[in-house]
Amino acid sequence: MAIYFDGFDDKMLSFYSESGRVGMLAYPVANKYVKECDSKSPNFMGFVRNVQGNLVGVQLGGYVECKFTGIAPTPGYCGLIADGSGGVKVDEEKAAIKRLVLWADATTGMVGFIL
């Protein structure tokens, strides 16, 4: 038996986005519109899984993997915010939504967590 997290509690919604890309950490900016998180708006609501024209499919629940910067997130509940370069980082101010971190690899700079 292998360890497998993909597919757990996946929840997707469609939104408009002027510059959506797969892997983008998204946050709402207007009615039915999302934008990529940056250092000024680091709290993300979900992870873009697909793009079709100006529509994006945003995963709002379930398991995701992405890169991280800074200190490695610790497995367990951890506040994560967008790092401004397409990944996440640990929220040192401890104001972010807590995500369930399942693993983090400091060598590859990748983290797996539940949204």
PDB file of N, CA and C in Angstrom:
ATOM      1  N   MET A   1       0.841  -1.176   0.000  1.00  0.00           N
ATOM      2  CA  MET A   1       0.000   0.000   0.000  1.00  0.00           C
ATOM      3  C   MET A   1       0.887   1.241   0.000  1.00  0.00           C
ATOM      4  N   ALA A   2       0.487   2.263  -0.732  1.00  0.00           N
ATOM      5  CA  ALA A   2       1.256   3.504  -0.820  1.00  0.00           C
ATOM      6  C   ALA A   2       0.506   4.643  -0.122  1.00  0.00           C
ATOM      7  N   ILE A   3       1.256   5.651   0.279  1.00  0.00           N
ATOM      8  CA  ILE A   3       0.659   6.861   0.842  1.00  0.00           C
ATOM      9  C   ILE A   3       0.061   7.659  -0.313  1.00  0.00           C
ATOM     10  N   TYR A   4      -1.181   8.097  -0.167  1.00  0.00           N
ATOM     11  CA  TYR A   4      -1.858   8.800  -1.247  1.00  0.00           C
ATOM     12  C   TYR A   4      -2.796   9.848  -0.654  1.00  0.00           C
ATOM     13  N   PHE A   5      -2.643  11.108  -1.059  1.00  0.00           N
ATOM     14  CA  PHE A   5      -3.472  12.195  -0.544  1.00  0.00           C
ATOM     15  C   PHE A   5      -4.373  12.816  -1.605  1.00  0.00           C
ATOM     16  N   ASP A   6      -4.006  12.709  -2.893  1.00  0.00           N
ATOM     17  CA  ASP A   6      -4.771  13.359  -3.959  1.00  0.00           C
ATOM     18  C   ASP A   6      -6.225  12.923  -3.947  1.00  0.00           C
ATOM     19  N   GLY A   7      -7.109  13.865  -4.227  1.00  0.00           N
ATOM     20  CA  GLY A   7      -8.532  13.577  -4.317  1.00  0.00           C
ATOM     21  C   GLY A   7      -9.293  13.735  -3.024  1.00  0.00           C
ATOM     22  N   PHE A   8      -8.598  13.889  -1.897  1.00  0.00           N
ATOM     23  CA  PHE A   8      -9.288  14.020  -0.613  1.00  0.00           C
ATOM     24  C   PHE A   8     -10.085  15.321  -0.566  1.00  0.00           C
ATOM     25  N   ASP A   9     -11.381  15.233  -0.418  1.00  0.00           N
ATOM     26  CA  ASP A   9     -12.259  16.379  -0.165  1.00  0.00           C
ATOM     27  C   ASP A   9     -12.093  17.524  -1.172  1.00  0.00           C
ATOM     28  N   ASP A  10     -11.769  17.193  -2.432  1.00  0.00           N
ATOM     29  CA  ASP A  10     -11.616  18.238  -3.453  1.00  0.00           C
ATOM     30  C   ASP A  10     -12.918  19.004  -3.636  1.00  0.00           C
ATOM     31  N   LYS A  11     -12.812  20.314  -3.653  1.00  0.00           N
ATOM     32  CA  LYS A  11     -13.946  21.196  -3.917  1.00  0.00           C
ATOM     33  C   LYS A  11     -13.477  22.252  -4.903  1.00  0.00           C
ATOM     34  N   MET A  12     -14.199  22.395  -6.017  1.00  0.00           N
ATOM     35  CA  MET A  12     -13.797  23.337  -7.061  1.00  0.00           C
ATOM     36  C   MET A  12     -14.947  24.289  -7.380  1.00  0.00           C
ATOM     37  N   LEU A  13     -14.599  25.542  -7.654  1.00  0.00           N
ATOM     38  CA  LEU A  13     -15.537  26.540  -8.151  1.00  0.00           C
ATOM     39  C   LEU A  13     -14.887  27.263  -9.316  1.00  0.00           C
ATOM     40  N   SER A  14     -15.711  27.786 -10.220  1.00  0.00           N
ATOM     41  CA  SER A  14     -15.208  28.548 -11.365  1.00  0.00           C
ATOM     42  C   SER A  14     -15.334  30.040 -11.092  1.00  0.00           C
ATOM     43  N   PHE A  15     -14.324  30.785 -11.528  1.00  0.00           N
ATOM     44  CA  PHE A  15     -14.295  32.237 -11.394  1.00  0.00           C
ATOM     45  C   PHE A  15     -13.733  32.844 -12.671  1.00  0.00           C
ATOM     46  N   TYR A  16     -13.917  34.151 -12.831  1.00  0.00           N
ATOM     47  CA  TYR A  16     -13.233  34.894 -13.878  1.00  0.00           C
ATOM     48  C   TYR A  16     -11.870  35.313 -13.346  1.00  0.00           C
ATOM     49  N   SER A  17     -10.901  35.397 -14.255  1.00  0.00           N
ATOM     50  CA  SER A  17      -9.577  35.904 -13.895  1.00  0.00           C
ATOM     51  C   SER A  17      -8.935  36.492 -15.137  1.00  0.00           C
ATOM     52  N   GLU A  18      -8.382  37.695 -15.009  1.00  0.00           N
ATOM     53  CA  GLU A  18      -7.745  38.343 -16.152  1.00  0.00           C
ATOM     54  C   GLU A  18      -6.391  37.741 -16.480  1.00  0.00           C
ATOM     55  N   SER A  19      -5.766  37.099 -15.518  1.00  0.00           N
ATOM     56  CA  SER A  19      -4.424  36.550 -15.765  1.00  0.00           C
ATOM     57  C   SER A  19      -4.225  35.235 -15.019  1.00  0.00           C
ATOM     58  N   GLY A  20      -5.202  34.342 -15.110  1.00  0.00           N
ATOM     59  CA  GLY A  20      -5.117  33.081 -14.389  1.00  0.00           C
ATOM     60  C   GLY A  20      -4.102  32.126 -14.982  1.00  0.00           C
ATOM     61  N   ARG A  21      -3.487  31.326 -14.111  1.00  0.00           N
ATOM     62  CA  ARG A  21      -2.561  30.277 -14.546  1.00  0.00           C
ATOM     63  C   ARG A  21      -2.672  29.109 -13.578  1.00  0.00           C
ATOM     64  N   VAL A  22      -2.439  27.924 -14.093  1.00  0.00           N
ATOM     65  CA  VAL A  22      -2.482  26.728 -13.256  1.00  0.00           C
ATOM     66  C   VAL A  22      -1.411  26.838 -12.169  1.00  0.00           C
ATOM     67  N   GLY A  23      -1.777  26.522 -10.945  1.00  0.00           N
ATOM     68  CA  GLY A  23      -0.856  26.598  -9.818  1.00  0.00           C
ATOM     69  C   GLY A  23      -0.907  27.913  -9.069  1.00  0.00           C
ATOM     70  N   MET A  24      -1.673  28.855  -9.566  1.00  0.00           N
ATOM     71  CA  MET A  24      -1.771  30.173  -8.949  1.00  0.00           C
ATOM     72  C   MET A  24      -2.542  30.088  -7.631  1.00  0.00           C
ATOM     73  N   LEU A  25      -2.050  30.747  -6.599  1.00  0.00           N
ATOM     74  CA  LEU A  25      -2.788  30.909  -5.349  1.00  0.00           C
ATOM     75  C   LEU A  25      -3.711  32.107  -5.540  1.00  0.00           C
ATOM     76  N   ALA A  26      -5.018  31.902  -5.367  1.00  0.00           N
ATOM     77  CA  ALA A  26      -5.996  32.920  -5.735  1.00  0.00           C
ATOM     78  C   ALA A  26      -6.706  33.516  -4.529  1.00  0.00           C
ATOM     79  N   TYR A  27      -7.154  34.779  -4.715  1.00  0.00           N
ATOM     80  CA  TYR A  27      -8.003  35.431  -3.728  1.00  0.00           C
ATOM     81  C   TYR A  27      -9.051  36.256  -4.476  1.00  0.00           C
ATOM     82  N   PRO A  28     -10.213  36.496  -3.865  1.00  0.00           N
ATOM     83  CA  PRO A  28     -11.269  37.244  -4.556  1.00  0.00           C
ATOM     84  C   PRO A  28     -10.958  38.737  -4.590  1.00  0.00           C
ATOM     85  N   VAL A  29     -11.229  39.363  -5.760  1.00  0.00           N
ATOM     86  CA  VAL A  29     -10.983  40.799  -5.896  1.00  0.00           C
ATOM     87  C   VAL A  29     -12.236  41.576  -6.277  1.00  0.00           C
ATOM     88  N   ALA A  30     -13.219  40.912  -6.860  1.00  0.00           N
ATOM     89  CA  ALA A  30     -14.474  41.550  -7.262  1.00  0.00           C
ATOM     90  C   ALA A  30     -15.506  40.445  -7.420  1.00  0.00           C
ATOM     91  N   ASN A  31     -16.730  40.833  -7.719  1.00  0.00           N
ATOM     92  CA  ASN A  31     -17.777  39.834  -7.915  1.00  0.00           C
ATOM     93  C   ASN A  31     -17.363  38.810  -8.956  1.00  0.00           C
ATOM     94  N   LYS A  32     -17.230  37.575  -8.544  1.00  0.00           N
ATOM     95  CA  LYS A  32     -16.920  36.431  -9.406  1.00  0.00           C
ATOM     96  C   LYS A  32     -15.528  36.492 -10.035  1.00  0.00           C
ATOM     97  N   TYR A  33     -14.644  37.362  -9.568  1.00  0.00           N
ATOM     98  CA  TYR A  33     -13.281  37.487 -10.089  1.00  0.00           C
ATOM     99  C   TYR A  33     -12.261  37.126  -9.018  1.00  0.00           C
ATOM    100  N   VAL A  34     -11.185  36.472  -9.447  1.00  0.00           N
ATOM    101  CA  VAL A  34     -10.053  36.200  -8.564  1.00  0.00           C
ATOM    102  C   VAL A  34      -8.780  36.719  -9.213  1.00  0.00           C
ATOM    103  N   LYS A  35      -7.774  36.868  -8.390  1.00  0.00           N
ATOM    104  CA  LYS A  35      -6.472  37.360  -8.830  1.00  0.00           C
ATOM    105  C   LYS A  35      -5.404  36.558  -8.100  1.00  0.00           C
ATOM    106  N   GLU A  36      -4.183  36.590  -8.637  1.00  0.00           N
ATOM    107  CA  GLU A  36      -3.077  35.897  -7.976  1.00  0.00           C
ATOM    108  C   GLU A  36      -2.659  36.647  -6.726  1.00  0.00           C
ATOM    109  N   CYS A  37      -2.431  35.907  -5.653  1.00  0.00           N
ATOM    110  CA  CYS A  37      -1.954  36.496  -4.404  1.00  0.00           C
ATOM    111  C   CYS A  37      -0.559  37.072  -4.593  1.00  0.00           C
ATOM    112  N   ASP A  38      -0.277  38.114  -3.849  1.00  0.00           N
ATOM    113  CA  ASP A  38       1.058  38.700  -3.835  1.00  0.00           C
ATOM    114  C   ASP A  38       1.385  39.091  -2.396  1.00  0.00           C
ATOM    115  N   SER A  39       2.487  39.780  -2.209  1.00  0.00           N
ATOM    116  CA  SER A  39       2.896  40.123  -0.846  1.00  0.00           C
ATOM    117  C   SER A  39       1.940  41.123  -0.190  1.00  0.00           C
ATOM    118  N   LYS A  40       1.174  41.875  -0.983  1.00  0.00           N
ATOM    119  CA  LYS A  40       0.208  42.822  -0.420  1.00  0.00           C
ATOM    120  C   LYS A  40      -1.122  42.155  -0.085  1.00  0.00           C
ATOM    121  N   SER A  41      -1.418  41.057  -0.757  1.00  0.00           N
ATOM    122  CA  SER A  41      -2.650  40.291  -0.521  1.00  0.00           C
ATOM    123  C   SER A  41      -2.282  38.820  -0.395  1.00  0.00           C
ATOM    124  N   PRO A  42      -1.676  38.431   0.732  1.00  0.00           N
ATOM    125  CA  PRO A  42      -1.116  37.083   0.843  1.00  0.00           C
ATOM    126  C   PRO A  42      -2.081  35.986   1.282  1.00  0.00           C
ATOM    127  N   ASN A  43      -3.269  36.349   1.763  1.00  0.00           N
ATOM    128  CA  ASN A  43      -4.204  35.323   2.240  1.00  0.00           C
ATOM    129  C   ASN A  43      -4.953  34.719   1.064  1.00  0.00           C
ATOM    130  N   PHE A  44      -4.718  33.452   0.809  1.00  0.00           N
ATOM    131  CA  PHE A  44      -5.304  32.803  -0.359  1.00  0.00           C
ATOM    132  C   PHE A  44      -6.538  31.998   0.017  1.00  0.00           C
ATOM    133  N   MET A  45      -7.467  31.922  -0.949  1.00  0.00           N
ATOM    134  CA  MET A  45      -8.683  31.132  -0.736  1.00  0.00           C
ATOM    135  C   MET A  45      -8.579  29.779  -1.396  1.00  0.00           C
ATOM    136  N   GLY A  46      -7.704  29.657  -2.404  1.00  0.00           N
ATOM    137  CA  GLY A  46      -7.609  28.394  -3.110  1.00  0.00           C
ATOM    138  C   GLY A  46      -6.485  28.366  -4.121  1.00  0.00           C
ATOM    139  N   PHE A  47      -6.468  27.277  -4.873  1.00  0.00           N
ATOM    140  CA  PHE A  47      -5.376  26.916  -5.763  1.00  0.00           C
ATOM    141  C   PHE A  47      -5.962  26.688  -7.154  1.00  0.00           C
ATOM    142  N   VAL A  48      -5.485  27.408  -8.167  1.00  0.00           N
ATOM    143  CA  VAL A  48      -6.029  27.259  -9.517  1.00  0.00           C
ATOM    144  C   VAL A  48      -5.562  25.939 -10.115  1.00  0.00           C
ATOM    145  N   ARG A  49      -6.532  25.116 -10.516  1.00  0.00           N
ATOM    146  CA  ARG A  49      -6.253  23.796 -11.094  1.00  0.00           C
ATOM    147  C   ARG A  49      -6.380  23.774 -12.609  1.00  0.00           C
ATOM    148  N   ASN A  50      -7.225  24.637 -13.186  1.00  0.00           N
ATOM    149  CA  ASN A  50      -7.345  24.663 -14.641  1.00  0.00           C
ATOM    150  C   ASN A  50      -7.751  26.049 -15.112  1.00  0.00           C
ATOM    151  N   VAL A  51      -7.425  26.323 -16.373  1.00  0.00           N
ATOM    152  CA  VAL A  51      -7.703  27.621 -16.985  1.00  0.00           C
ATOM    153  C   VAL A  51      -8.304  27.379 -18.358  1.00  0.00           C
ATOM    154  N   GLN A  52      -9.372  28.103 -18.659  1.00  0.00           N
ATOM    155  CA  GLN A  52      -9.973  28.048 -19.986  1.00  0.00           C
ATOM    156  C   GLN A  52     -10.408  29.465 -20.339  1.00  0.00           C
ATOM    157  N   GLY A  53      -9.617  30.110 -21.191  1.00  0.00           N
ATOM    158  CA  GLY A  53      -9.892  31.503 -21.521  1.00  0.00           C
ATOM    159  C   GLY A  53      -9.742  32.368 -20.290  1.00  0.00           C
ATOM    160  N   ASN A  54     -10.799  33.147 -19.991  1.00  0.00           N
ATOM    161  CA  ASN A  54     -10.736  33.999 -18.797  1.00  0.00           C
ATOM    162  C   ASN A  54     -11.426  33.354 -17.588  1.00  0.00           C
ATOM    163  N   LEU A  55     -11.650  32.036 -17.665  1.00  0.00           N
ATOM    164  CA  LEU A  55     -12.222  31.291 -16.545  1.00  0.00           C
ATOM    165  C   LEU A  55     -11.161  30.418 -15.889  1.00  0.00           C
ATOM    166  N   VAL A  56     -11.216  30.337 -14.570  1.00  0.00           N
ATOM    167  CA  VAL A  56     -10.291  29.468 -13.839  1.00  0.00           C
ATOM    168  C   VAL A  56     -11.085  28.576 -12.893  1.00  0.00           C
ATOM    169  N   GLY A  57     -10.628  27.340 -12.742  1.00  0.00           N
ATOM    170  CA  GLY A  57     -11.185  26.423 -11.761  1.00  0.00           C
ATOM    171  C   GLY A  57     -10.338  26.498 -10.513  1.00  0.00           C
ATOM    172  N   VAL A  58     -10.922  26.975  -9.422  1.00  0.00           N
ATOM    173  CA  VAL A  58     -10.186  27.168  -8.171  1.00  0.00           C
ATOM    174  C   VAL A  58     -10.559  26.059  -7.192  1.00  0.00           C
ATOM    175  N   GLN A  59      -9.546  25.330  -6.747  1.00  0.00           N
ATOM    176  CA  GLN A  59      -9.746  24.292  -5.738  1.00  0.00           C
ATOM    177  C   GLN A  59      -9.804  24.965  -4.375  1.00  0.00           C
ATOM    178  N   LEU A  60     -10.945  24.818  -3.692  1.00  0.00           N
ATOM    179  CA  LEU A  60     -11.158  25.464  -2.398  1.00  0.00           C
ATOM    180  C   LEU A  60     -11.009  24.517  -1.215  1.00  0.00           C
ATOM    181  N   GLY A  61     -10.917  23.235  -1.487  1.00  0.00           N
ATOM    182  CA  GLY A  61     -10.764  22.251  -0.429  1.00  0.00           C
ATOM    183  C   GLY A  61      -9.949  21.087  -0.932  1.00  0.00           C
ATOM    184  N   GLY A  62      -9.413  20.319  -0.021  1.00  0.00           N
ATOM    185  CA  GLY A  62      -8.653  19.142  -0.400  1.00  0.00           C
ATOM    186  C   GLY A  62      -7.154  19.355  -0.333  1.00  0.00           C
ATOM    187  N   TYR A  63      -6.440  18.402  -0.904  1.00  0.00           N
ATOM    188  CA  TYR A  63      -4.980  18.336  -0.818  1.00  0.00           C
ATOM    189  C   TYR A  63      -4.323  19.058  -1.984  1.00  0.00           C
ATOM    190  N   VAL A  64      -3.291  19.849  -1.695  1.00  0.00           N
ATOM    191  CA  VAL A  64      -2.477  20.502  -2.724  1.00  0.00           C
ATOM    192  C   VAL A  64      -1.002  20.399  -2.359  1.00  0.00           C
ATOM    193  N   GLU A  65      -0.168  20.513  -3.369  1.00  0.00           N
ATOM    194  CA  GLU A  65       1.282  20.602  -3.193  1.00  0.00           C
ATOM    195  C   GLU A  65       1.766  21.845  -3.913  1.00  0.00           C
ATOM    196  N   CYS A  66       2.686  22.561  -3.298  1.00  0.00           N
ATOM    197  CA  CYS A  66       3.305  23.709  -3.964  1.00  0.00           C
ATOM    198  C   CYS A  66       4.655  23.987  -3.314  1.00  0.00           C
ATOM    199  N   LYS A  67       5.377  24.928  -3.896  1.00  0.00           N
ATOM    200  CA  LYS A  67       6.688  25.271  -3.345  1.00  0.00           C
ATOM    201  C   LYS A  67       6.514  26.200  -2.140  1.00  0.00           C
ATOM    202  N   PHE A  68       7.536  26.230  -1.307  1.00  0.00           N
ATOM    203  CA  PHE A  68       7.537  27.166  -0.184  1.00  0.00           C
ATOM    204  C   PHE A  68       8.880  27.867  -0.125  1.00  0.00           C
ATOM    205  N   THR A  69       8.899  29.022   0.531  1.00  0.00           N
ATOM    206  CA  THR A  69      10.139  29.758   0.772  1.00  0.00           C
ATOM    207  C   THR A  69      10.265  29.980   2.273  1.00  0.00           C
ATOM    208  N   GLY A  70      11.469  30.289   2.708  1.00  0.00           N
ATOM    209  CA  GLY A  70      11.705  30.524   4.132  1.00  0.00           C
ATOM    210  C   GLY A  70      11.816  29.220   4.892  1.00  0.00           C
ATOM    211  N   ILE A  71      11.440  29.273   6.161  1.00  0.00           N
ATOM    212  CA  ILE A  71      11.527  28.069   6.990  1.00  0.00           C
ATOM    213  C   ILE A  71      10.491  27.044   6.538  1.00  0.00           C
ATOM    214  N   ALA A  72      10.835  25.783   6.678  1.00  0.00           N
ATOM    215  CA  ALA A  72       9.922  24.714   6.266  1.00  0.00           C
ATOM    216  C   ALA A  72       8.711  24.677   7.195  1.00  0.00           C
ATOM    217  N   PRO A  73       7.506  24.614   6.621  1.00  0.00           N
ATOM    218  CA  PRO A  73       6.325  24.455   7.468  1.00  0.00           C
ATOM    219  C   PRO A  73       6.410  23.151   8.256  1.00  0.00           C
ATOM    220  N   THR A  74       5.922  23.177   9.477  1.00  0.00           N
ATOM    221  CA  THR A  74       5.928  22.004  10.339  1.00  0.00           C
ATOM    222  C   THR A  74       4.636  21.214  10.142  1.00  0.00           C
ATOM    223  N   PRO A  75       4.720  19.891  10.009  1.00  0.00           N
ATOM    224  CA  PRO A  75       3.489  19.102   9.912  1.00  0.00           C
ATOM    225  C   PRO A  75       2.567  19.375  11.101  1.00  0.00           C
ATOM    226  N   GLY A  76       1.286  19.455  10.803  1.00  0.00           N
ATOM    227  CA  GLY A  76       0.272  19.850  11.770  1.00  0.00           C
ATOM    228  C   GLY A  76      -0.370  21.134  11.273  1.00  0.00           C
ATOM    229  N   TYR A  77      -1.134  21.792  12.114  1.00  0.00           N
ATOM    230  CA  TYR A  77      -1.793  23.027  11.692  1.00  0.00           C
ATOM    231  C   TYR A  77      -0.807  24.182  11.727  1.00  0.00           C
ATOM    232  N   CYS A  78      -0.738  24.894  10.601  1.00  0.00           N
ATOM    233  CA  CYS A  78       0.271  25.936  10.420  1.00  0.00           C
ATOM    234  C   CYS A  78      -0.330  27.062   9.584  1.00  0.00           C
ATOM    235  N   GLY A  79      -0.080  28.300   9.978  1.00  0.00           N
ATOM    236  CA  GLY A  79      -0.537  29.446   9.198  1.00  0.00           C
ATOM    237  C   GLY A  79       0.338  29.619   7.967  1.00  0.00           C
ATOM    238  N   LEU A  80      -0.278  29.535   6.788  1.00  0.00           N
ATOM    239  CA  LEU A  80       0.445  29.701   5.528  1.00  0.00           C
ATOM    240  C   LEU A  80      -0.130  30.884   4.764  1.00  0.00           C
ATOM    241  N   ILE A  81       0.763  31.669   4.147  1.00  0.00           N
ATOM    242  CA  ILE A  81       0.357  32.775   3.286  1.00  0.00           C
ATOM    243  C   ILE A  81       1.143  32.687   1.989  1.00  0.00           C
ATOM    244  N   ALA A  82       0.661  33.386   0.967  1.00  0.00           N
ATOM    245  CA  ALA A  82       1.382  33.441  -0.303  1.00  0.00           C
ATOM    246  C   ALA A  82       2.695  34.184  -0.094  1.00  0.00           C
ATOM    247  N   ASP A  83       3.743  33.705  -0.770  1.00  0.00           N
ATOM    248  CA  ASP A  83       5.057  34.332  -0.602  1.00  0.00           C
ATOM    249  C   ASP A  83       5.339  35.422  -1.629  1.00  0.00           C
ATOM    250  N   GLY A  84       4.417  35.666  -2.553  1.00  0.00           N
ATOM    251  CA  GLY A  84       4.609  36.698  -3.567  1.00  0.00           C
ATOM    252  C   GLY A  84       5.334  36.225  -4.802  1.00  0.00           C
ATOM    253  N   SER A  85       5.764  34.957  -4.808  1.00  0.00           N
ATOM    254  CA  SER A  85       6.467  34.422  -5.982  1.00  0.00           C
ATOM    255  C   SER A  85       5.851  33.103  -6.447  1.00  0.00           C
ATOM    256  N   GLY A  86       4.586  32.897  -6.119  1.00  0.00           N
ATOM    257  CA  GLY A  86       3.885  31.706  -6.586  1.00  0.00           C
ATOM    258  C   GLY A  86       3.817  30.556  -5.606  1.00  0.00           C
ATOM    259  N   GLY A  87       4.462  30.687  -4.461  1.00  0.00           N
ATOM    260  CA  GLY A  87       4.440  29.632  -3.454  1.00  0.00           C
ATOM    261  C   GLY A  87       3.857  30.138  -2.150  1.00  0.00           C
ATOM    262  N   VAL A  88       4.139  29.409  -1.081  1.00  0.00           N
ATOM    263  CA  VAL A  88       3.662  29.795   0.246  1.00  0.00           C
ATOM    264  C   VAL A  88       4.842  29.965   1.189  1.00  0.00           C
ATOM    265  N   LYS A  89       4.572  30.570   2.326  1.00  0.00           N
ATOM    266  CA  LYS A  89       5.548  30.666   3.409  1.00  0.00           C
ATOM    267  C   LYS A  89       4.797  30.656   4.720  1.00  0.00           C
ATOM    268  N   VAL A  90       5.505  30.336   5.783  1.00  0.00           N
ATOM    269  CA  VAL A  90       4.920  30.342   7.121  1.00  0.00           C
ATOM    270  C   VAL A  90       4.647  31.790   7.510  1.00  0.00           C
ATOM    271  N   ASP A  91       3.456  32.049   8.019  1.00  0.00           N
ATOM    272  CA  ASP A  91       3.071  33.386   8.459  1.00  0.00           C
ATOM    273  C   ASP A  91       3.668  33.646   9.835  1.00  0.00           C
ATOM    274  N   GLU A  92       4.713  34.448   9.868  1.00  0.00           N
ATOM    275  CA  GLU A  92       5.393  34.728  11.136  1.00  0.00           C
ATOM    276  C   GLU A  92       4.553  35.591  12.069  1.00  0.00           C
ATOM    277  N   GLU A  93       3.567  36.315  11.514  1.00  0.00           N
ATOM    278  CA  GLU A  93       2.704  37.155  12.347  1.00  0.00           C
ATOM    279  C   GLU A  93       1.556  36.356  12.962  1.00  0.00           C
ATOM    280  N   LYS A  94       1.424  35.117  12.539  1.00  0.00           N
ATOM    281  CA  LYS A  94       0.424  34.190  13.078  1.00  0.00           C
ATOM    282  C   LYS A  94      -1.016  34.682  12.899  1.00  0.00           C
ATOM    283  N   ALA A  95      -1.280  35.394  11.801  1.00  0.00           N
ATOM    284  CA  ALA A  95      -2.625  35.901  11.526  1.00  0.00           C
ATOM    285  C   ALA A  95      -3.330  35.120  10.422  1.00  0.00           C
ATOM    286  N   ALA A  96      -2.612  34.250   9.734  1.00  0.00           N
ATOM    287  CA  ALA A  96      -3.168  33.526   8.584  1.00  0.00           C
ATOM    288  C   ALA A  96      -4.074  32.380   9.009  1.00  0.00           C
ATOM    289  N   ILE A  97      -4.910  31.958   8.068  1.00  0.00           N
ATOM    290  CA  ILE A  97      -5.737  30.768   8.273  1.00  0.00           C
ATOM    291  C   ILE A  97      -4.808  29.575   8.458  1.00  0.00           C
ATOM    292  N   LYS A  98      -5.109  28.747   9.422  1.00  0.00           N
ATOM    293  CA  LYS A  98      -4.296  27.549   9.663  1.00  0.00           C
ATOM    294  C   LYS A  98      -4.659  26.475   8.640  1.00  0.00           C
ATOM    295  N   ARG A  99      -3.653  25.910   8.008  1.00  0.00           N
ATOM    296  CA  ARG A  99      -3.815  24.817   7.048  1.00  0.00           C
ATOM    297  C   ARG A  99      -3.189  23.571   7.660  1.00  0.00           C
ATOM    298  N   LEU A 100      -3.716  22.409   7.321  1.00  0.00           N
ATOM    299  CA  LEU A 100      -3.169  21.156   7.833  1.00  0.00           C
ATOM    300  C   LEU A 100      -2.011  20.720   6.942  1.00  0.00           C
ATOM    301  N   VAL A 101      -0.786  20.948   7.402  1.00  0.00           N
ATOM    302  CA  VAL A 101       0.419  20.557   6.670  1.00  0.00           C
ATOM    303  C   VAL A 101       0.666  19.074   6.922  1.00  0.00           C
ATOM    304  N   LEU A 102       0.793  18.297   5.840  1.00  0.00           N
ATOM    305  CA  LEU A 102       1.032  16.857   5.957  1.00  0.00           C
ATOM    306  C   LEU A 102       2.503  16.519   5.842  1.00  0.00           C
ATOM    307  N   TRP A 103       3.232  17.300   5.050  1.00  0.00           N
ATOM    308  CA  TRP A 103       4.667  17.078   4.897  1.00  0.00           C
ATOM    309  C   TRP A 103       5.298  18.331   4.296  1.00  0.00           C
ATOM    310  N   ALA A 104       6.596  18.477   4.514  1.00  0.00           N
ATOM    311  CA  ALA A 104       7.387  19.536   3.883  1.00  0.00           C
ATOM    312  C   ALA A 104       8.786  18.992   3.672  1.00  0.00           C
ATOM    313  N   ASP A 105       9.363  19.292   2.528  1.00  0.00           N
ATOM    314  CA  ASP A 105      10.698  18.809   2.181  1.00  0.00           C
ATOM    315  C   ASP A 105      11.609  20.011   1.955  1.00  0.00           C
ATOM    316  N   ALA A 106      12.517  20.254   2.903  1.00  0.00           N
ATOM    317  CA  ALA A 106      13.421  21.396   2.808  1.00  0.00           C
ATOM    318  C   ALA A 106      14.378  21.278   1.631  1.00  0.00           C
ATOM    319  N   THR A 107      14.679  20.062   1.193  1.00  0.00           N
ATOM    320  CA  THR A 107      15.592  19.857   0.062  1.00  0.00           C
ATOM    321  C   THR A 107      14.961  20.313  -1.247  1.00  0.00           C
ATOM    322  N   THR A 108      13.708  19.935  -1.474  1.00  0.00           N
ATOM    323  CA  THR A 108      13.031  20.303  -2.725  1.00  0.00           C
ATOM    324  C   THR A 108      12.256  21.610  -2.607  1.00  0.00           C
ATOM    325  N   GLY A 109      12.024  22.070  -1.385  1.00  0.00           N
ATOM    326  CA  GLY A 109      11.241  23.282  -1.185  1.00  0.00           C
ATOM    327  C   GLY A 109       9.770  23.094  -1.483  1.00  0.00           C
ATOM    328  N   MET A 110       9.272  21.879  -1.304  1.00  0.00           N
ATOM    329  CA  MET A 110       7.867  21.571  -1.574  1.00  0.00           C
ATOM    330  C   MET A 110       7.135  21.246  -0.275  1.00  0.00           C
ATOM    331  N   VAL A 111       5.836  21.554  -0.264  1.00  0.00           N
ATOM    332  CA  VAL A 111       4.991  21.281   0.892  1.00  0.00           C
ATOM    333  C   VAL A 111       3.657  20.722   0.402  1.00  0.00           C
ATOM    334  N   GLY A 112       3.090  19.794   1.172  1.00  0.00           N
ATOM    335  CA  GLY A 112       1.763  19.250   0.890  1.00  0.00           C
ATOM    336  C   GLY A 112       0.848  19.583   2.050  1.00  0.00           C
ATOM    337  N   PHE A 113      -0.330  20.139   1.746  1.00  0.00           N
ATOM    338  CA  PHE A 113      -1.247  20.534   2.813  1.00  0.00           C
ATOM    339  C   PHE A 113      -2.697  20.456   2.354  1.00  0.00           C
ATOM    340  N   ILE A 114      -3.594  20.489   3.332  1.00  0.00           N
ATOM    341  CA  ILE A 114      -5.031  20.496   3.080  1.00  0.00           C
ATOM    342  C   ILE A 114      -5.510  21.942   3.142  1.00  0.00           C
ATOM    343  N   LEU A 115      -6.226  22.361   2.110  1.00  0.00           N
ATOM    344  CA  LEU A 115      -6.763  23.731   2.073  1.00  0.00           C
ATOM    345  C   LEU A 115      -7.821  23.923   3.150  1.00  0.00           C
TER     346      LEU A 115
END
